[in-house]
Amino acid sequence: MKFLGDENLDWQIVERLRLDDHEVLYVVEMEPGIPDDEVLNLANNEGAILLTSDKDFEME
């Protein structure tokens, strides 16, 4: 499966998924600080499941 980890997602989760042969894009490694709507657009454009622990994730 393909995932996009938001920048607030613990690195250990990203690492574990990668060890299990999942493709994981990680905002921290790509574009730290981008707004939530851009994170969601990125996940959609990549066909990835968005993983976040952001309790106030906002979509505009």
N, C-alpha and C. Protein backbone atom coordinates (compact mmCIF):
# COMPACT_ATOMS: atom_id res chain seq x y z
N MET A 1 0.85 -1.19 0.00
CA MET A 1 0.00 0.00 0.00
C MET A 1 0.88 1.23 0.00
N LYS A 2 0.29 2.32 -0.42
CA LYS A 2 1.01 3.59 -0.46
C LYS A 2 0.39 4.53 0.55
N PHE A 3 1.24 5.12 1.40
CA PHE A 3 0.79 6.03 2.45
C PHE A 3 1.51 7.37 2.32
N LEU A 4 0.86 8.39 2.84
CA LEU A 4 1.49 9.69 3.04
C LEU A 4 1.40 10.01 4.51
N GLY A 5 2.54 10.13 5.17
CA GLY A 5 2.58 10.47 6.58
C GLY A 5 2.69 11.97 6.76
N ASP A 6 1.73 12.54 7.46
CA ASP A 6 1.77 13.97 7.79
C ASP A 6 2.98 14.21 8.70
N GLU A 7 3.43 15.45 8.78
CA GLU A 7 4.66 15.72 9.52
C GLU A 7 4.54 15.49 11.03
N ASN A 8 3.33 15.39 11.55
CA ASN A 8 3.20 15.14 12.99
C ASN A 8 3.14 13.65 13.31
N LEU A 9 3.22 12.81 12.30
CA LEU A 9 3.20 11.36 12.50
C LEU A 9 4.58 10.92 13.01
N ASP A 10 4.58 10.08 14.03
CA ASP A 10 5.85 9.62 14.60
C ASP A 10 6.69 8.88 13.55
N TRP A 11 7.97 9.16 13.56
CA TRP A 11 8.91 8.54 12.63
C TRP A 11 8.87 7.02 12.74
N GLN A 12 8.65 6.51 13.96
CA GLN A 12 8.65 5.07 14.17
C GLN A 12 7.55 4.38 13.35
N ILE A 13 6.42 5.04 13.18
CA ILE A 13 5.33 4.48 12.38
C ILE A 13 5.74 4.41 10.91
N VAL A 14 6.33 5.49 10.42
CA VAL A 14 6.81 5.53 9.04
C VAL A 14 7.84 4.43 8.82
N GLU A 15 8.79 4.32 9.73
CA GLU A 15 9.85 3.33 9.61
C GLU A 15 9.28 1.90 9.62
N ARG A 16 8.33 1.63 10.51
CA ARG A 16 7.74 0.29 10.60
C ARG A 16 7.01 -0.08 9.30
N LEU A 17 6.24 0.87 8.77
CA LEU A 17 5.53 0.61 7.51
C LEU A 17 6.51 0.34 6.38
N ARG A 18 7.59 1.08 6.35
CA ARG A 18 8.59 0.86 5.30
C ARG A 18 9.26 -0.51 5.47
N LEU A 19 9.51 -0.92 6.70
CA LEU A 19 10.10 -2.23 6.94
C LEU A 19 9.17 -3.35 6.49
N ASP A 20 7.87 -3.07 6.49
CA ASP A 20 6.88 -4.03 6.02
C ASP A 20 6.60 -3.89 4.53
N ASP A 21 7.52 -3.21 3.83
CA ASP A 21 7.48 -3.06 2.37
C ASP A 21 6.35 -2.20 1.83
N HIS A 22 5.85 -1.28 2.65
CA HIS A 22 4.87 -0.32 2.16
C HIS A 22 5.63 0.91 1.65
N GLU A 23 5.06 1.54 0.64
CA GLU A 23 5.62 2.80 0.16
C GLU A 23 5.06 3.91 1.03
N VAL A 24 5.95 4.64 1.69
CA VAL A 24 5.51 5.70 2.60
C VAL A 24 6.22 7.00 2.23
N LEU A 25 5.43 7.96 1.78
CA LEU A 25 5.92 9.32 1.58
C LEU A 25 5.76 10.03 2.92
N TYR A 26 6.69 10.89 3.26
CA TYR A 26 6.67 11.53 4.57
C TYR A 26 6.88 13.03 4.39
N VAL A 27 5.90 13.81 4.80
CA VAL A 27 5.93 15.26 4.61
C VAL A 27 7.22 15.86 5.17
N VAL A 28 7.71 15.34 6.28
CA VAL A 28 8.95 15.85 6.90
C VAL A 28 10.11 15.77 5.91
N GLU A 29 10.13 14.74 5.09
CA GLU A 29 11.21 14.55 4.12
C GLU A 29 10.95 15.28 2.81
N MET A 30 9.73 15.75 2.61
CA MET A 30 9.36 16.34 1.33
C MET A 30 9.21 17.86 1.41
N GLU A 31 8.20 18.31 2.14
CA GLU A 31 7.87 19.72 2.21
C GLU A 31 7.36 20.07 3.61
N PRO A 32 8.22 20.08 4.62
CA PRO A 32 7.75 20.39 5.98
C PRO A 32 7.07 21.76 6.03
N GLY A 33 6.00 21.81 6.81
CA GLY A 33 5.33 23.09 7.03
C GLY A 33 4.24 23.42 6.03
N ILE A 34 3.97 22.54 5.06
CA ILE A 34 2.91 22.86 4.10
C ILE A 34 1.55 22.79 4.79
N PRO A 35 0.60 23.59 4.34
CA PRO A 35 -0.73 23.62 4.95
C PRO A 35 -1.47 22.29 4.78
N ASP A 36 -2.43 22.06 5.67
CA ASP A 36 -3.19 20.82 5.66
C ASP A 36 -3.86 20.53 4.32
N ASP A 37 -4.41 21.55 3.68
CA ASP A 37 -5.09 21.30 2.40
C ASP A 37 -4.10 20.83 1.33
N GLU A 38 -2.86 21.31 1.39
CA GLU A 38 -1.84 20.85 0.45
C GLU A 38 -1.41 19.42 0.76
N VAL A 39 -1.40 19.06 2.04
CA VAL A 39 -1.08 17.69 2.43
C VAL A 39 -2.14 16.75 1.85
N LEU A 40 -3.40 17.11 2.01
CA LEU A 40 -4.49 16.29 1.48
C LEU A 40 -4.41 16.20 -0.04
N ASN A 41 -4.14 17.31 -0.71
CA ASN A 41 -3.99 17.29 -2.17
C ASN A 41 -2.85 16.39 -2.60
N LEU A 42 -1.76 16.44 -1.86
CA LEU A 42 -0.61 15.60 -2.17
C LEU A 42 -0.98 14.12 -2.05
N ALA A 43 -1.69 13.77 -0.98
CA ALA A 43 -2.12 12.38 -0.79
C ALA A 43 -3.02 11.95 -1.95
N ASN A 44 -3.96 12.79 -2.33
CA ASN A 44 -4.86 12.48 -3.44
C ASN A 44 -4.10 12.33 -4.75
N ASN A 45 -3.19 13.26 -5.01
CA ASN A 45 -2.42 13.22 -6.26
C ASN A 45 -1.53 11.98 -6.34
N GLU A 46 -1.05 11.52 -5.20
CA GLU A 46 -0.17 10.35 -5.16
C GLU A 46 -0.94 9.04 -5.04
N GLY A 47 -2.26 9.14 -4.83
CA GLY A 47 -3.05 7.93 -4.64
C GLY A 47 -2.69 7.23 -3.35
N ALA A 48 -2.36 8.02 -2.33
CA ALA A 48 -1.89 7.49 -1.05
C ALA A 48 -2.93 7.70 0.05
N ILE A 49 -2.90 6.81 1.02
CA ILE A 49 -3.73 6.95 2.21
C ILE A 49 -3.02 7.91 3.15
N LEU A 50 -3.73 8.93 3.59
CA LEU A 50 -3.14 9.92 4.48
C LEU A 50 -3.16 9.43 5.92
N LEU A 51 -1.99 9.47 6.56
CA LEU A 51 -1.87 9.14 7.98
C LEU A 51 -1.48 10.41 8.73
N THR A 52 -2.27 10.78 9.72
CA THR A 52 -1.99 11.97 10.50
C THR A 52 -2.41 11.75 11.94
N SER A 53 -1.74 12.44 12.84
CA SER A 53 -2.17 12.44 14.24
C SER A 53 -2.58 13.86 14.64
N ASP A 54 -2.80 14.69 13.64
CA ASP A 54 -3.22 16.08 13.82
C ASP A 54 -4.70 16.12 14.17
N LYS A 55 -5.00 16.45 15.41
CA LYS A 55 -6.40 16.44 15.87
C LYS A 55 -7.22 17.60 15.32
N ASP A 56 -6.56 18.62 14.76
CA ASP A 56 -7.31 19.72 14.16
C ASP A 56 -6.95 19.89 12.68
N PHE A 57 -6.77 18.78 11.99
CA PHE A 57 -6.48 18.79 10.56
C PHE A 57 -7.63 19.51 9.86
N GLU A 58 -7.30 20.53 9.06
CA GLU A 58 -8.32 21.36 8.43
C GLU A 58 -8.27 21.25 6.92
N MET A 59 -9.44 21.08 6.34
CA MET A 59 -9.56 21.08 4.89
C MET A 59 -10.39 22.30 4.50
N GLU A 60 -9.89 23.04 3.54
CA GLU A 60 -10.61 24.24 3.11
C GLU A 60 -11.32 23.98 1.81
